[in-house]
Amino acid sequence: MKDLLFPEPPAAAEIERLDQVLSERQSAWWDAFYARREGRQVPFFGRAPDESLAAWVEAGDIQPGPALDLGCGNGRNTVYLAQAGFAAEGVDYANEAIAWAGQRAREAGLPSLPLTACSVFDLQRPLGHYALVCDSGCFHHLPPHRRALYRDQLLAWLRPGGVLALCCFRPEGGSGLSDDEVYERGTLGGGLGYDEDQLRGFWGATFDIECLRPMRAQAPGSALFGAECLWVMRARKPQV
């Protein structure tokens, strides 16, 4: 295991400097990514929710309540949560993703589903409010210097006993770049992969990790989404 850089948030001036080093994927890049969806075989462009999220909800490991879906994309998990009785809202960096999620919500009979186009680092939400924060693919696109800031923000938004449901790249799913190489090359290379020790060391510093396993691949046409190149993690904010 290689230790992750920035176990704690760096100073504001350092964050600004490193943001400039890694400025390749601004909102316009993601808008173009989601705009080019016709005829593309992108697994998470479907309607199916994550197999892990559905399993945990249906088993009662996550109880309905206010839910925040970060990096919601086309809203597949947001819609699922709303239909399962959560007061769900979706957030994504890309306007095109949010427009698509709105279309999906209307098709599902959820025209008032709250959806916001915003960077997670500009997002203002009540502290201690959410029963669930869902992240299916946001964390592995974060630059190393913003990881701890993100972790601390999610912890603050969750109520005591609230759950983080995370889905991120395993080493074989990511770019293969180390944190040092990210800054040497000025790119995340499409997303960073993590090993189990890295995830346990990073998230376990502030959350109680209840489940961490490879995602279960799903057969074509399944009502659930799953790919073996991903981790899924259920972690809970401590009660005190």
C-alpha atoms as a PDB file:
ATOM      1  CA  MET A   1       0.000   0.000   0.000  1.00  0.00           C
ATOM      2  CA  LYS A   2       1.233   3.485  -0.858  1.00  0.00           C
ATOM      3  CA  ASP A   3       0.235   6.182   1.625  1.00  0.00           C
ATOM      4  CA  LEU A   4      -2.142   8.803   0.295  1.00  0.00           C
ATOM      5  CA  LEU A   5      -1.019  12.406   0.177  1.00  0.00           C
ATOM      6  CA  PHE A   6      -2.923  15.046   2.135  1.00  0.00           C
ATOM      7  CA  PRO A   7      -4.514  13.048   4.968  1.00  0.00           C
ATOM      8  CA  GLU A   8      -5.763  16.440   6.198  1.00  0.00           C
ATOM      9  CA  PRO A   9      -6.934  19.441   4.132  1.00  0.00           C
ATOM     10  CA  PRO A  10      -4.034  21.695   3.072  1.00  0.00           C
ATOM     11  CA  ALA A  11      -4.077  25.462   3.513  1.00  0.00           C
ATOM     12  CA  ALA A  12      -6.371  27.485   1.254  1.00  0.00           C
ATOM     13  CA  ALA A  13      -3.479  28.970  -0.737  1.00  0.00           C
ATOM     14  CA  GLU A  14      -2.083  25.496  -1.413  1.00  0.00           C
ATOM     15  CA  ILE A  15      -5.510  24.249  -2.526  1.00  0.00           C
ATOM     16  CA  GLU A  16      -5.757  27.131  -4.995  1.00  0.00           C
ATOM     17  CA  ARG A  17      -2.263  26.462  -6.362  1.00  0.00           C
ATOM     18  CA  LEU A  18      -2.882  22.750  -6.831  1.00  0.00           C
ATOM     19  CA  ASP A  19      -6.273  23.381  -8.422  1.00  0.00           C
ATOM     20  CA  GLN A  20      -4.402  25.193 -11.194  1.00  0.00           C
ATOM     21  CA  VAL A  21      -2.123  22.198 -11.708  1.00  0.00           C
ATOM     22  CA  LEU A  22      -5.168  19.968 -12.169  1.00  0.00           C
ATOM     23  CA  SER A  23      -7.521  22.125 -14.201  1.00  0.00           C
ATOM     24  CA  GLU A  24      -8.152  19.621 -17.024  1.00  0.00           C
ATOM     25  CA  ARG A  25     -11.726  18.681 -16.189  1.00  0.00           C
ATOM     26  CA  GLN A  26     -13.839  21.732 -15.589  1.00  0.00           C
ATOM     27  CA  SER A  27     -17.640  21.757 -15.893  1.00  0.00           C
ATOM     28  CA  ALA A  28     -17.509  22.236 -19.693  1.00  0.00           C
ATOM     29  CA  TRP A  29     -15.615  18.938 -20.043  1.00  0.00           C
ATOM     30  CA  TRP A  30     -18.276  17.090 -18.067  1.00  0.00           C
ATOM     31  CA  ASP A  31     -21.080  18.820 -19.969  1.00  0.00           C
ATOM     32  CA  ALA A  32     -19.591  17.517 -23.225  1.00  0.00           C
ATOM     33  CA  PHE A  33     -19.189  14.047 -21.686  1.00  0.00           C
ATOM     34  CA  TYR A  34     -22.883  13.808 -20.771  1.00  0.00           C
ATOM     35  CA  ALA A  35     -24.063  15.508 -23.964  1.00  0.00           C
ATOM     36  CA  ARG A  36     -22.480  12.721 -26.058  1.00  0.00           C
ATOM     37  CA  ARG A  37     -24.717   9.957 -24.762  1.00  0.00           C
ATOM     38  CA  GLU A  38     -26.528   8.679 -27.840  1.00  0.00           C
ATOM     39  CA  GLY A  39     -25.226   5.310 -28.968  1.00  0.00           C
ATOM     40  CA  ARG A  40     -22.436   5.177 -26.372  1.00  0.00           C
ATOM     41  CA  GLN A  41     -21.997   2.022 -24.312  1.00  0.00           C
ATOM     42  CA  VAL A  42     -21.256   3.693 -20.975  1.00  0.00           C
ATOM     43  CA  PRO A  43     -22.402   1.310 -18.199  1.00  0.00           C
ATOM     44  CA  PHE A  44     -23.570   4.007 -15.783  1.00  0.00           C
ATOM     45  CA  PHE A  45     -25.626   5.749 -18.477  1.00  0.00           C
ATOM     46  CA  GLY A  46     -28.394   3.227 -17.790  1.00  0.00           C
ATOM     47  CA  ARG A  47     -31.310   3.489 -15.388  1.00  0.00           C
ATOM     48  CA  ALA A  48     -30.288   0.794 -12.893  1.00  0.00           C
ATOM     49  CA  PRO A  49     -29.255   1.767  -9.353  1.00  0.00           C
ATOM     50  CA  ASP A  50     -26.091   0.378  -7.760  1.00  0.00           C
ATOM     51  CA  GLU A  51     -26.573  -3.216  -6.622  1.00  0.00           C
ATOM     52  CA  SER A  52     -24.989  -2.369  -3.264  1.00  0.00           C
ATOM     53  CA  LEU A  53     -27.232   0.621  -2.593  1.00  0.00           C
ATOM     54  CA  ALA A  54     -30.361  -1.384  -3.415  1.00  0.00           C
ATOM     55  CA  ALA A  55     -29.206  -4.307  -1.268  1.00  0.00           C
ATOM     56  CA  TRP A  56     -28.497  -2.115   1.754  1.00  0.00           C
ATOM     57  CA  VAL A  57     -31.778  -0.234   1.464  1.00  0.00           C
ATOM     58  CA  GLU A  58     -33.824  -3.392   1.034  1.00  0.00           C
ATOM     59  CA  ALA A  59     -32.043  -5.101   3.966  1.00  0.00           C
ATOM     60  CA  GLY A  60     -32.763  -2.121   6.237  1.00  0.00           C
ATOM     61  CA  ASP A  61     -29.083  -1.243   6.641  1.00  0.00           C
ATOM     62  CA  ILE A  62     -29.975   2.267   5.437  1.00  0.00           C
ATOM     63  CA  GLN A  63     -33.211   3.725   6.761  1.00  0.00           C
ATOM     64  CA  PRO A  64     -35.241   6.224   4.695  1.00  0.00           C
ATOM     65  CA  GLY A  65     -34.673   9.890   5.433  1.00  0.00           C
ATOM     66  CA  PRO A  66     -33.071  12.911   3.779  1.00  0.00           C
ATOM     67  CA  ALA A  67     -30.588  11.674   1.156  1.00  0.00           C
ATOM     68  CA  LEU A  68     -27.963  13.537  -0.871  1.00  0.00           C
ATOM     69  CA  ASP A  69     -26.686  11.893  -4.079  1.00  0.00           C
ATOM     70  CA  LEU A  70     -23.349  13.490  -5.030  1.00  0.00           C
ATOM     71  CA  GLY A  71     -22.139  13.145  -8.604  1.00  0.00           C
ATOM     72  CA  CYS A  72     -25.640  11.940  -9.447  1.00  0.00           C
ATOM     73  CA  GLY A  73     -25.093  11.846 -13.214  1.00  0.00           C
ATOM     74  CA  ASN A  74     -28.347  10.942 -14.954  1.00  0.00           C
ATOM     75  CA  GLY A  75     -30.080  10.441 -11.609  1.00  0.00           C
ATOM     76  CA  ARG A  76     -30.314   6.643 -11.598  1.00  0.00           C
ATOM     77  CA  ASN A  77     -29.564   6.358  -7.854  1.00  0.00           C
ATOM     78  CA  THR A  78     -31.446   9.555  -6.972  1.00  0.00           C
ATOM     79  CA  VAL A  79     -34.618   8.294  -8.632  1.00  0.00           C
ATOM     80  CA  TYR A  80     -34.249   4.910  -6.961  1.00  0.00           C
ATOM     81  CA  LEU A  81     -33.900   6.503  -3.526  1.00  0.00           C
ATOM     82  CA  ALA A  82     -36.918   8.752  -4.053  1.00  0.00           C
ATOM     83  CA  GLN A  83     -38.999   5.771  -5.107  1.00  0.00           C
ATOM     84  CA  ALA A  84     -37.783   3.878  -2.014  1.00  0.00           C
ATOM     85  CA  GLY A  85     -39.144   6.557   0.315  1.00  0.00           C
ATOM     86  CA  PHE A  86     -36.116   8.825   0.804  1.00  0.00           C
ATOM     87  CA  ALA A  87     -36.319  12.614   0.603  1.00  0.00           C
ATOM     88  CA  ALA A  88     -33.678  12.442  -2.112  1.00  0.00           C
ATOM     89  CA  GLU A  89     -31.854  15.187  -3.954  1.00  0.00           C
ATOM     90  CA  GLY A  90     -29.163  14.963  -6.615  1.00  0.00           C
ATOM     91  CA  VAL A  91     -26.125  17.137  -7.256  1.00  0.00           C
ATOM     92  CA  ASP A  92     -23.720  17.033 -10.189  1.00  0.00           C
ATOM     93  CA  TYR A  93     -20.997  19.286 -11.562  1.00  0.00           C
ATOM     94  CA  ALA A  94     -22.389  19.055 -15.118  1.00  0.00           C
ATOM     95  CA  ASN A  95     -25.456  20.966 -16.283  1.00  0.00           C
ATOM     96  CA  GLU A  96     -25.994  18.308 -18.955  1.00  0.00           C
ATOM     97  CA  ALA A  97     -26.092  15.581 -16.303  1.00  0.00           C
ATOM     98  CA  ILE A  98     -28.663  17.487 -14.269  1.00  0.00           C
ATOM     99  CA  ALA A  99     -30.804  18.102 -17.371  1.00  0.00           C
ATOM    100  CA  TRP A 100     -30.725  14.377 -18.114  1.00  0.00           C
ATOM    101  CA  ALA A 101     -31.520  13.520 -14.486  1.00  0.00           C
ATOM    102  CA  GLY A 102     -34.510  15.875 -14.653  1.00  0.00           C
ATOM    103  CA  GLN A 103     -35.766  14.069 -17.748  1.00  0.00           C
ATOM    104  CA  ARG A 104     -35.372  10.708 -15.996  1.00  0.00           C
ATOM    105  CA  ALA A 105     -37.181  12.036 -12.917  1.00  0.00           C
ATOM    106  CA  ARG A 106     -40.139  13.240 -14.962  1.00  0.00           C
ATOM    107  CA  GLU A 107     -40.343   9.885 -16.731  1.00  0.00           C
ATOM    108  CA  ALA A 108     -40.440   8.213 -13.304  1.00  0.00           C
ATOM    109  CA  GLY A 109     -43.290  10.460 -12.141  1.00  0.00           C
ATOM    110  CA  LEU A 110     -41.011  12.598  -9.945  1.00  0.00           C
ATOM    111  CA  PRO A 111     -41.156  16.037 -11.609  1.00  0.00           C
ATOM    112  CA  SER A 112     -40.252  17.906  -8.415  1.00  0.00           C
ATOM    113  CA  LEU A 113     -37.158  15.835  -7.544  1.00  0.00           C
ATOM    114  CA  PRO A 114     -34.571  18.400  -6.328  1.00  0.00           C
ATOM    115  CA  LEU A 115     -31.556  18.491  -8.667  1.00  0.00           C
ATOM    116  CA  THR A 116     -28.690  20.978  -8.516  1.00  0.00           C
ATOM    117  CA  ALA A 117     -25.810  21.691 -10.907  1.00  0.00           C
ATOM    118  CA  CYS A 118     -22.936  22.645  -8.631  1.00  0.00           C
ATOM    119  CA  SER A 119     -19.442  21.714  -7.519  1.00  0.00           C
ATOM    120  CA  VAL A 120     -19.624  19.795  -4.258  1.00  0.00           C
ATOM    121  CA  PHE A 121     -17.126  22.306  -2.843  1.00  0.00           C
ATOM    122  CA  ASP A 122     -19.516  25.194  -3.530  1.00  0.00           C
ATOM    123  CA  LEU A 123     -22.550  23.333  -2.208  1.00  0.00           C
ATOM    124  CA  GLN A 124     -24.244  24.749   0.889  1.00  0.00           C
ATOM    125  CA  ARG A 125     -26.358  22.244   2.829  1.00  0.00           C
ATOM    126  CA  PRO A 126     -27.592  21.988   6.457  1.00  0.00           C
ATOM    127  CA  LEU A 127     -25.133  20.435   8.869  1.00  0.00           C
ATOM    128  CA  GLY A 128     -26.170  17.189  10.542  1.00  0.00           C
ATOM    129  CA  HIS A 129     -29.207  16.858   8.260  1.00  0.00           C
ATOM    130  CA  TYR A 130     -28.782  13.805   6.044  1.00  0.00           C
ATOM    131  CA  ALA A 131     -29.533  10.176   6.855  1.00  0.00           C
ATOM    132  CA  LEU A 132     -27.636   9.152   3.724  1.00  0.00           C
ATOM    133  CA  VAL A 133     -24.978  10.591   1.455  1.00  0.00           C
ATOM    134  CA  CYS A 134     -24.534   8.552  -1.706  1.00  0.00           C
ATOM    135  CA  ASP A 135     -21.397   8.858  -3.845  1.00  0.00           C
ATOM    136  CA  SER A 136     -21.254   6.595  -6.886  1.00  0.00           C
ATOM    137  CA  GLY A 137     -18.225   7.771  -8.843  1.00  0.00           C
ATOM    138  CA  CYS A 138     -17.495  11.230  -7.432  1.00  0.00           C
ATOM    139  CA  PHE A 139     -14.695  10.410  -4.976  1.00  0.00           C
ATOM    140  CA  HIS A 140     -12.381   8.771  -7.520  1.00  0.00           C
ATOM    141  CA  HIS A 141     -12.498  11.908  -9.681  1.00  0.00           C
ATOM    142  CA  LEU A 142     -11.342  14.177  -6.858  1.00  0.00           C
ATOM    143  CA  PRO A 143      -7.739  15.438  -6.884  1.00  0.00           C
ATOM    144  CA  PRO A 144      -5.697  14.224  -3.911  1.00  0.00           C
ATOM    145  CA  HIS A 145      -5.476  17.642  -2.263  1.00  0.00           C
ATOM    146  CA  ARG A 146      -9.283  17.882  -2.040  1.00  0.00           C
ATOM    147  CA  ARG A 147      -9.992  14.401  -0.668  1.00  0.00           C
ATOM    148  CA  ALA A 148      -9.799  15.263   3.047  1.00  0.00           C
ATOM    149  CA  LEU A 149     -11.882  18.416   2.556  1.00  0.00           C
ATOM    150  CA  TYR A 150     -14.520  16.270   0.842  1.00  0.00           C
ATOM    151  CA  ARG A 151     -14.481  13.635   3.604  1.00  0.00           C
ATOM    152  CA  ASP A 152     -14.860  16.271   6.300  1.00  0.00           C
ATOM    153  CA  GLN A 153     -17.717  17.965   4.429  1.00  0.00           C
ATOM    154  CA  LEU A 154     -19.656  14.705   4.088  1.00  0.00           C
ATOM    155  CA  LEU A 155     -19.144  13.968   7.765  1.00  0.00           C
ATOM    156  CA  ALA A 156     -20.524  17.405   8.647  1.00  0.00           C
ATOM    157  CA  TRP A 157     -23.621  17.006   6.439  1.00  0.00           C
ATOM    158  CA  LEU A 158     -24.553  13.610   7.877  1.00  0.00           C
ATOM    159  CA  ARG A 159     -26.538  13.274  11.089  1.00  0.00           C
ATOM    160  CA  PRO A 160     -25.072  11.078  13.854  1.00  0.00           C
ATOM    161  CA  GLY A 161     -25.610   7.496  12.734  1.00  0.00           C
ATOM    162  CA  GLY A 162     -26.028   8.616   9.116  1.00  0.00           C
ATOM    163  CA  VAL A 163     -24.605   6.505   6.308  1.00  0.00           C
ATOM    164  CA  LEU A 164     -22.138   7.127   3.508  1.00  0.00           C
ATOM    165  CA  ALA A 165     -22.719   4.769   0.571  1.00  0.00           C
ATOM    166  CA  LEU A 166     -19.617   4.976  -1.617  1.00  0.00           C
ATOM    167  CA  CYS A 167     -18.722   3.417  -4.952  1.00  0.00           C
ATOM    168  CA  CYS A 168     -15.225   4.046  -6.349  1.00  0.00           C
ATOM    169  CA  PHE A 169     -12.525   2.519  -8.546  1.00  0.00           C
ATOM    170  CA  ARG A 170     -10.464  -0.420  -7.406  1.00  0.00           C
ATOM    171  CA  PRO A 171      -6.803  -0.290  -8.565  1.00  0.00           C
ATOM    172  CA  GLU A 172      -7.600  -2.123 -11.801  1.00  0.00           C
ATOM    173  CA  GLY A 173     -10.451   0.280 -12.570  1.00  0.00           C
ATOM    174  CA  GLY A 174      -8.479   3.490 -12.173  1.00  0.00           C
ATOM    175  CA  SER A 175      -5.721   5.168 -14.108  1.00  0.00           C
ATOM    176  CA  GLY A 176      -2.937   3.513 -12.130  1.00  0.00           C
ATOM    177  CA  LEU A 177      -1.421   6.869 -11.200  1.00  0.00           C
ATOM    178  CA  SER A 178      -0.081   7.507  -7.716  1.00  0.00           C
ATOM    179  CA  ASP A 179      -0.774  10.799  -5.967  1.00  0.00           C
ATOM    180  CA  ASP A 180       2.740  12.008  -6.811  1.00  0.00           C
ATOM    181  CA  GLU A 181       2.278  11.110 -10.482  1.00  0.00           C
ATOM    182  CA  VAL A 182      -1.012  13.005 -10.586  1.00  0.00           C
ATOM    183  CA  TYR A 183       0.844  16.247  -9.887  1.00  0.00           C
ATOM    184  CA  GLU A 184       3.873  15.357 -12.007  1.00  0.00           C
ATOM    185  CA  ARG A 185       1.643  14.797 -15.049  1.00  0.00           C
ATOM    186  CA  GLY A 186      -1.108  17.307 -14.229  1.00  0.00           C
ATOM    187  CA  THR A 187      -3.876  14.745 -14.671  1.00  0.00           C
ATOM    188  CA  LEU A 188      -5.920  12.121 -12.816  1.00  0.00           C
ATOM    189  CA  GLY A 189      -5.915  10.097 -16.015  1.00  0.00           C
ATOM    190  CA  GLY A 190      -9.643   9.370 -15.933  1.00  0.00           C
ATOM    191  CA  GLY A 191      -9.955   8.631 -12.216  1.00  0.00           C
ATOM    192  CA  LEU A 192      -7.912   7.199  -9.361  1.00  0.00           C
ATOM    193  CA  GLY A 193      -8.057   3.616  -8.139  1.00  0.00           C
ATOM    194  CA  TYR A 194      -7.675   2.712  -4.462  1.00  0.00           C
ATOM    195  CA  ASP A 195      -6.692  -0.438  -2.636  1.00  0.00           C
ATOM    196  CA  GLU A 196      -8.537  -1.684   0.419  1.00  0.00           C
ATOM    197  CA  ASP A 197      -5.953  -0.485   2.921  1.00  0.00           C
ATOM    198  CA  GLN A 198      -6.025   3.020   1.475  1.00  0.00           C
ATOM    199  CA  LEU A 199      -9.809   3.226   1.749  1.00  0.00           C
ATOM    200  CA  ARG A 200      -9.873   1.826   5.264  1.00  0.00           C
ATOM    201  CA  GLY A 201      -7.103   4.144   6.404  1.00  0.00           C
ATOM    202  CA  PHE A 202      -8.637   7.237   4.851  1.00  0.00           C
ATOM    203  CA  TRP A 203     -12.355   6.794   5.540  1.00  0.00           C
ATOM    204  CA  GLY A 204     -11.909   4.793   8.734  1.00  0.00           C
ATOM    205  CA  ALA A 205     -10.203   7.787  10.368  1.00  0.00           C
ATOM    206  CA  THR A 206     -13.608   9.459  10.796  1.00  0.00           C
ATOM    207  CA  PHE A 207     -16.285   6.889   9.847  1.00  0.00           C
ATOM    208  CA  ASP A 208     -17.178   3.426  11.130  1.00  0.00           C
ATOM    209  CA  ILE A 209     -16.788   1.175   8.081  1.00  0.00           C
ATOM    210  CA  GLU A 210     -19.497  -1.490   8.133  1.00  0.00           C
ATOM    211  CA  CYS A 211     -18.976  -3.018   4.701  1.00  0.00           C
ATOM    212  CA  LEU A 212     -16.213  -2.756   2.103  1.00  0.00           C
ATOM    213  CA  ARG A 213     -16.204  -5.213  -0.791  1.00  0.00           C
ATOM    214  CA  PRO A 214     -15.861  -5.432  -4.568  1.00  0.00           C
ATOM    215  CA  MET A 215     -19.026  -4.515  -6.415  1.00  0.00           C
ATOM    216  CA  ARG A 216     -20.886  -7.518  -7.802  1.00  0.00           C
ATOM    217  CA  ALA A 217     -21.065  -7.646 -11.587  1.00  0.00           C
ATOM    218  CA  GLN A 218     -24.579  -7.937 -13.007  1.00  0.00           C
ATOM    219  CA  ALA A 219     -25.832  -9.857 -16.013  1.00  0.00           C
ATOM    220  CA  PRO A 220     -26.859  -7.893 -19.127  1.00  0.00           C
ATOM    221  CA  GLY A 221     -30.370  -6.539 -18.725  1.00  0.00           C
ATOM    222  CA  SER A 222     -30.248  -6.660 -14.925  1.00  0.00           C
ATOM    223  CA  ALA A 223     -32.371  -4.198 -12.971  1.00  0.00           C
ATOM    224  CA  LEU A 224     -29.227  -3.353 -10.975  1.00  0.00           C
ATOM    225  CA  PHE A 225     -25.843  -1.858 -11.868  1.00  0.00           C
ATOM    226  CA  GLY A 226     -22.625  -3.623 -10.933  1.00  0.00           C
ATOM    227  CA  ALA A 227     -19.031  -3.771 -12.173  1.00  0.00           C
ATOM    228  CA  GLU A 228     -16.163  -5.719 -10.598  1.00  0.00           C
ATOM    229  CA  CYS A 229     -13.657  -2.885 -11.181  1.00  0.00           C
ATOM    230  CA  LEU A 230     -15.366  -0.924  -8.383  1.00  0.00           C
ATOM    231  CA  TRP A 231     -15.407  -0.990  -4.594  1.00  0.00           C
ATOM    232  CA  VAL A 232     -18.574  -0.432  -2.610  1.00  0.00           C
ATOM    233  CA  MET A 233     -18.430   0.809   0.954  1.00  0.00           C
ATOM    234  CA  ARG A 234     -21.052   1.459   3.625  1.00  0.00           C
ATOM    235  CA  ALA A 235     -19.731   3.622   6.429  1.00  0.00           C
ATOM    236  CA  ARG A 236     -21.570   5.248   9.320  1.00  0.00           C
ATOM    237  CA  LYS A 237     -20.991   8.521  11.120  1.00  0.00           C
ATOM    238  CA  PRO A 238     -20.402   7.773  14.805  1.00  0.00           C
ATOM    239  CA  GLN A 239     -23.275   8.586  17.155  1.00  0.00           C
ATOM    240  CA  VAL A 240     -20.979  10.712  19.333  1.00  0.00           C
END
